[in-house]
Amino acid sequence: LCPQGQLLAKSWSSLFGGQSGAALQGPIYSFNGRNILLDPLWPRRSAWHGSTPRGGHARRWDCQGWRSSGTAEGMATALGEGRLLAGQRHNCSTP
């Protein structure tokens, strides 16, 4: 359950099982309780995860050791797509 009492996924393993993880079932809230899928304070609605589509560590794409002047890339998922581990490489400097 997420802080607002809504089911995000049926289990921890269902978040990462299968192709591209679970289909998210509810809104995602920031630590201060704002729905980031609707809130204008969150213009880029992505989750950085550094994982493969099956939940393994994407060693070359995890922003490990990133520096602001670097060109490293990491895996991130657009939250509106509804698949937690789907994603594409993005420059680690992207906010």
N, C-alpha and C. Protein backbone atom coordinates (compact mmCIF):
# COMPACT_ATOMS: atom_id res chain seq x y z
N LEU A 1 0.84 -1.19 0.00
CA LEU A 1 0.00 0.00 0.00
C LEU A 1 0.87 1.24 0.00
N CYS A 2 0.41 2.27 -0.66
CA CYS A 2 1.14 3.54 -0.60
C CYS A 2 0.56 4.37 0.53
N PRO A 3 1.19 5.49 0.87
CA PRO A 3 0.78 6.27 2.04
C PRO A 3 -0.68 6.71 2.03
N GLN A 4 -1.28 6.80 0.88
CA GLN A 4 -2.67 7.23 0.82
C GLN A 4 -3.63 6.05 0.94
N GLY A 5 -3.11 4.84 1.20
CA GLY A 5 -3.95 3.67 1.40
C GLY A 5 -4.37 2.98 0.11
N GLN A 6 -3.78 3.37 -1.01
CA GLN A 6 -4.14 2.76 -2.29
C GLN A 6 -3.13 1.69 -2.67
N LEU A 7 -3.58 0.63 -3.31
CA LEU A 7 -2.73 -0.46 -3.71
C LEU A 7 -1.89 -0.05 -4.92
N LEU A 8 -0.58 -0.15 -4.78
CA LEU A 8 0.34 0.16 -5.87
C LEU A 8 0.65 -1.10 -6.67
N ALA A 9 0.85 -2.21 -5.99
CA ALA A 9 1.09 -3.50 -6.62
C ALA A 9 0.64 -4.58 -5.64
N LYS A 10 0.36 -5.77 -6.14
CA LYS A 10 -0.14 -6.85 -5.29
C LYS A 10 0.90 -7.36 -4.29
N SER A 11 2.19 -7.32 -4.67
CA SER A 11 3.24 -7.78 -3.78
C SER A 11 4.55 -7.13 -4.20
N TRP A 12 5.57 -7.24 -3.32
CA TRP A 12 6.89 -6.71 -3.65
C TRP A 12 7.42 -7.39 -4.91
N SER A 13 7.29 -8.70 -4.98
CA SER A 13 7.82 -9.42 -6.14
C SER A 13 7.06 -9.07 -7.42
N SER A 14 5.80 -8.69 -7.32
CA SER A 14 5.06 -8.33 -8.53
C SER A 14 5.53 -7.00 -9.11
N LEU A 15 6.21 -6.17 -8.30
CA LEU A 15 6.77 -4.94 -8.82
C LEU A 15 7.87 -5.22 -9.84
N PHE A 16 8.58 -6.33 -9.65
CA PHE A 16 9.75 -6.60 -10.47
C PHE A 16 9.64 -7.88 -11.30
N GLY A 17 8.58 -8.62 -11.16
CA GLY A 17 8.43 -9.87 -11.90
C GLY A 17 7.95 -9.65 -13.32
N GLY A 18 8.31 -10.55 -14.20
CA GLY A 18 7.84 -10.49 -15.57
C GLY A 18 8.50 -9.40 -16.38
N GLN A 19 8.04 -9.21 -17.56
CA GLN A 19 8.61 -8.21 -18.46
C GLN A 19 8.26 -6.81 -18.00
N SER A 20 9.25 -6.02 -17.70
CA SER A 20 9.12 -4.61 -17.34
C SER A 20 8.40 -4.35 -16.03
N GLY A 21 8.32 -5.33 -15.17
CA GLY A 21 7.73 -5.10 -13.86
C GLY A 21 6.22 -4.98 -13.90
N ALA A 22 5.66 -4.60 -12.79
CA ALA A 22 4.21 -4.55 -12.63
C ALA A 22 3.61 -3.37 -13.37
N ALA A 23 2.37 -3.53 -13.76
CA ALA A 23 1.60 -2.39 -14.24
C ALA A 23 1.12 -1.67 -12.98
N LEU A 24 1.57 -0.47 -12.76
CA LEU A 24 1.21 0.26 -11.54
C LEU A 24 -0.28 0.51 -11.52
N GLN A 25 -0.88 0.32 -10.34
CA GLN A 25 -2.33 0.37 -10.23
C GLN A 25 -2.87 1.64 -9.60
N GLY A 26 -2.04 2.56 -9.22
CA GLY A 26 -2.54 3.75 -8.56
C GLY A 26 -1.62 4.92 -8.75
N PRO A 27 -1.97 6.06 -8.20
CA PRO A 27 -1.10 7.23 -8.28
C PRO A 27 0.17 7.03 -7.47
N ILE A 28 1.16 7.86 -7.73
CA ILE A 28 2.42 7.81 -7.01
C ILE A 28 2.56 9.13 -6.26
N TYR A 29 2.86 9.05 -4.97
CA TYR A 29 2.93 10.24 -4.14
C TYR A 29 4.36 10.54 -3.74
N SER A 30 4.66 11.82 -3.67
CA SER A 30 5.96 12.26 -3.15
C SER A 30 5.95 12.08 -1.64
N PHE A 31 7.10 12.28 -1.01
CA PHE A 31 7.17 12.12 0.44
C PHE A 31 6.30 13.13 1.17
N ASN A 32 5.97 14.25 0.54
CA ASN A 32 5.10 15.22 1.20
C ASN A 32 3.64 15.05 0.79
N GLY A 33 3.29 13.91 0.17
CA GLY A 33 1.89 13.58 -0.10
C GLY A 33 1.32 14.13 -1.39
N ARG A 34 2.15 14.66 -2.28
CA ARG A 34 1.64 15.21 -3.53
C ARG A 34 1.61 14.13 -4.60
N ASN A 35 0.53 14.07 -5.38
CA ASN A 35 0.41 13.11 -6.47
C ASN A 35 1.30 13.60 -7.61
N ILE A 36 2.43 12.96 -7.83
CA ILE A 36 3.38 13.47 -8.81
C ILE A 36 2.91 13.30 -10.26
N LEU A 37 1.91 12.47 -10.49
CA LEU A 37 1.40 12.33 -11.85
C LEU A 37 0.52 13.51 -12.26
N LEU A 38 0.05 14.27 -11.27
CA LEU A 38 -0.83 15.41 -11.55
C LEU A 38 -0.24 16.75 -11.12
N ASP A 39 0.72 16.74 -10.23
CA ASP A 39 1.25 17.96 -9.63
C ASP A 39 2.15 18.74 -10.59
N PRO A 40 1.88 20.01 -10.83
CA PRO A 40 2.72 20.81 -11.73
C PRO A 40 4.14 21.04 -11.22
N LEU A 41 4.40 20.78 -9.94
CA LEU A 41 5.76 20.91 -9.41
C LEU A 41 6.66 19.77 -9.89
N TRP A 42 6.08 18.75 -10.53
CA TRP A 42 6.84 17.61 -11.04
C TRP A 42 6.73 17.58 -12.57
N PRO A 43 7.45 18.46 -13.28
CA PRO A 43 7.30 18.52 -14.75
C PRO A 43 7.81 17.26 -15.45
N ARG A 44 8.85 16.62 -14.92
CA ARG A 44 9.35 15.37 -15.51
C ARG A 44 8.92 14.25 -14.59
N ARG A 45 8.03 13.44 -15.08
CA ARG A 45 7.45 12.38 -14.25
C ARG A 45 8.11 11.04 -14.57
N SER A 46 9.33 10.90 -14.08
CA SER A 46 10.11 9.70 -14.33
C SER A 46 10.65 9.13 -13.02
N ALA A 47 10.89 7.84 -13.04
CA ALA A 47 11.52 7.16 -11.91
C ALA A 47 12.86 6.63 -12.38
N TRP A 48 13.92 7.08 -11.73
CA TRP A 48 15.25 6.57 -12.02
C TRP A 48 15.39 5.24 -11.29
N HIS A 49 15.85 4.20 -11.98
CA HIS A 49 15.95 2.90 -11.32
C HIS A 49 17.23 2.13 -11.60
N GLY A 50 17.92 2.35 -12.69
CA GLY A 50 19.17 1.66 -12.95
C GLY A 50 19.03 0.15 -13.07
N SER A 51 17.87 -0.32 -13.53
CA SER A 51 17.59 -1.75 -13.61
C SER A 51 17.30 -2.19 -15.03
N THR A 52 17.48 -3.47 -15.26
CA THR A 52 17.06 -4.07 -16.52
C THR A 52 15.54 -4.25 -16.46
N PRO A 53 14.89 -4.53 -17.59
CA PRO A 53 13.44 -4.73 -17.56
C PRO A 53 12.97 -5.87 -16.65
N ARG A 54 13.87 -6.80 -16.30
CA ARG A 54 13.49 -7.90 -15.40
C ARG A 54 13.92 -7.66 -13.96
N GLY A 55 14.44 -6.48 -13.65
CA GLY A 55 14.77 -6.12 -12.28
C GLY A 55 16.21 -6.33 -11.88
N GLY A 56 17.05 -6.78 -12.80
CA GLY A 56 18.47 -6.92 -12.49
C GLY A 56 19.18 -5.57 -12.55
N HIS A 57 20.39 -5.54 -12.06
CA HIS A 57 21.18 -4.32 -12.05
C HIS A 57 21.70 -4.03 -13.46
N ALA A 58 21.37 -2.87 -14.01
CA ALA A 58 21.87 -2.43 -15.32
C ALA A 58 23.21 -1.74 -15.06
N ARG A 59 24.25 -2.50 -14.94
CA ARG A 59 25.55 -2.01 -14.47
C ARG A 59 26.06 -0.80 -15.24
N ARG A 60 25.89 -0.76 -16.52
CA ARG A 60 26.40 0.38 -17.30
C ARG A 60 25.44 1.56 -17.31
N TRP A 61 24.23 1.37 -16.82
CA TRP A 61 23.21 2.41 -16.94
C TRP A 61 22.56 2.72 -15.58
N ASP A 62 23.38 2.89 -14.54
CA ASP A 62 22.81 3.15 -13.22
C ASP A 62 23.25 4.47 -12.59
N CYS A 63 23.97 5.31 -13.33
CA CYS A 63 24.46 6.60 -12.84
C CYS A 63 25.43 6.47 -11.67
N GLN A 64 25.93 5.27 -11.44
CA GLN A 64 26.92 5.04 -10.40
C GLN A 64 28.16 5.89 -10.70
N GLY A 65 28.63 6.63 -9.76
CA GLY A 65 29.82 7.46 -9.95
C GLY A 65 29.58 8.68 -10.82
N TRP A 66 28.34 9.04 -11.04
CA TRP A 66 28.00 10.20 -11.88
C TRP A 66 28.60 11.48 -11.32
N ARG A 67 29.04 12.35 -12.20
CA ARG A 67 29.49 13.70 -11.85
C ARG A 67 28.74 14.68 -12.73
N SER A 68 28.47 15.86 -12.23
CA SER A 68 27.65 16.82 -12.97
C SER A 68 28.24 17.19 -14.31
N SER A 69 29.53 17.07 -14.47
CA SER A 69 30.14 17.42 -15.76
C SER A 69 30.23 16.21 -16.69
N GLY A 70 29.76 15.05 -16.25
CA GLY A 70 29.88 13.83 -17.03
C GLY A 70 28.77 13.62 -18.03
N THR A 71 28.94 12.59 -18.82
CA THR A 71 27.94 12.24 -19.84
C THR A 71 27.34 10.87 -19.56
N ALA A 72 27.43 10.39 -18.33
CA ALA A 72 26.89 9.08 -17.97
C ALA A 72 25.39 9.03 -18.23
N GLU A 73 24.92 7.82 -18.51
CA GLU A 73 23.49 7.62 -18.71
C GLU A 73 22.96 6.59 -17.72
N GLY A 74 21.69 6.73 -17.36
CA GLY A 74 21.04 5.80 -16.45
C GLY A 74 19.66 5.46 -16.97
N MET A 75 19.10 4.40 -16.45
CA MET A 75 17.77 3.96 -16.85
C MET A 75 16.70 4.68 -16.03
N ALA A 76 15.69 5.19 -16.73
CA ALA A 76 14.56 5.85 -16.08
C ALA A 76 13.30 5.49 -16.83
N THR A 77 12.19 5.50 -16.11
CA THR A 77 10.89 5.15 -16.68
C THR A 77 9.95 6.32 -16.54
N ALA A 78 9.25 6.64 -17.61
CA ALA A 78 8.18 7.64 -17.53
C ALA A 78 7.04 7.00 -16.75
N LEU A 79 6.66 7.59 -15.63
CA LEU A 79 5.67 6.98 -14.75
C LEU A 79 4.29 6.86 -15.39
N GLY A 80 3.96 7.70 -16.32
CA GLY A 80 2.67 7.61 -17.00
C GLY A 80 2.53 6.38 -17.87
N GLU A 81 3.65 5.70 -18.17
CA GLU A 81 3.59 4.48 -18.97
C GLU A 81 3.02 3.31 -18.19
N GLY A 82 3.11 3.38 -16.85
CA GLY A 82 2.51 2.36 -16.02
C GLY A 82 3.35 1.11 -15.81
N ARG A 83 4.55 1.04 -16.35
CA ARG A 83 5.42 -0.13 -16.14
C ARG A 83 6.66 0.34 -15.42
N LEU A 84 6.88 -0.14 -14.22
CA LEU A 84 7.93 0.38 -13.35
C LEU A 84 9.32 0.23 -13.95
N LEU A 85 9.65 -0.90 -14.55
CA LEU A 85 11.00 -1.10 -15.03
C LEU A 85 11.15 -0.95 -16.55
N ALA A 86 10.10 -0.55 -17.21
CA ALA A 86 10.26 -0.19 -18.62
C ALA A 86 11.12 1.06 -18.59
N GLY A 87 11.71 1.41 -19.63
CA GLY A 87 12.48 2.65 -19.58
C GLY A 87 13.50 2.77 -20.66
N GLN A 88 14.12 3.90 -20.65
CA GLN A 88 15.14 4.22 -21.62
C GLN A 88 16.28 4.91 -20.93
N ARG A 89 17.42 4.95 -21.61
CA ARG A 89 18.58 5.63 -21.05
C ARG A 89 18.38 7.15 -21.16
N HIS A 90 18.76 7.82 -20.08
CA HIS A 90 18.72 9.28 -20.02
C HIS A 90 20.03 9.75 -19.44
N ASN A 91 20.46 10.93 -19.83
CA ASN A 91 21.66 11.51 -19.27
C ASN A 91 21.46 11.67 -17.77
N CYS A 92 22.44 11.26 -16.98
CA CYS A 92 22.31 11.31 -15.52
C CYS A 92 22.20 12.74 -15.00
N SER A 93 22.50 13.74 -15.79
CA SER A 93 22.36 15.14 -15.39
C SER A 93 20.93 15.65 -15.53
N THR A 94 20.05 14.86 -16.15
CA THR A 94 18.67 15.27 -16.35
C THR A 94 17.96 15.33 -15.01
N PRO A 95 17.32 16.46 -14.70
CA PRO A 95 16.62 16.55 -13.40
C PRO A 95 15.38 15.65 -13.36
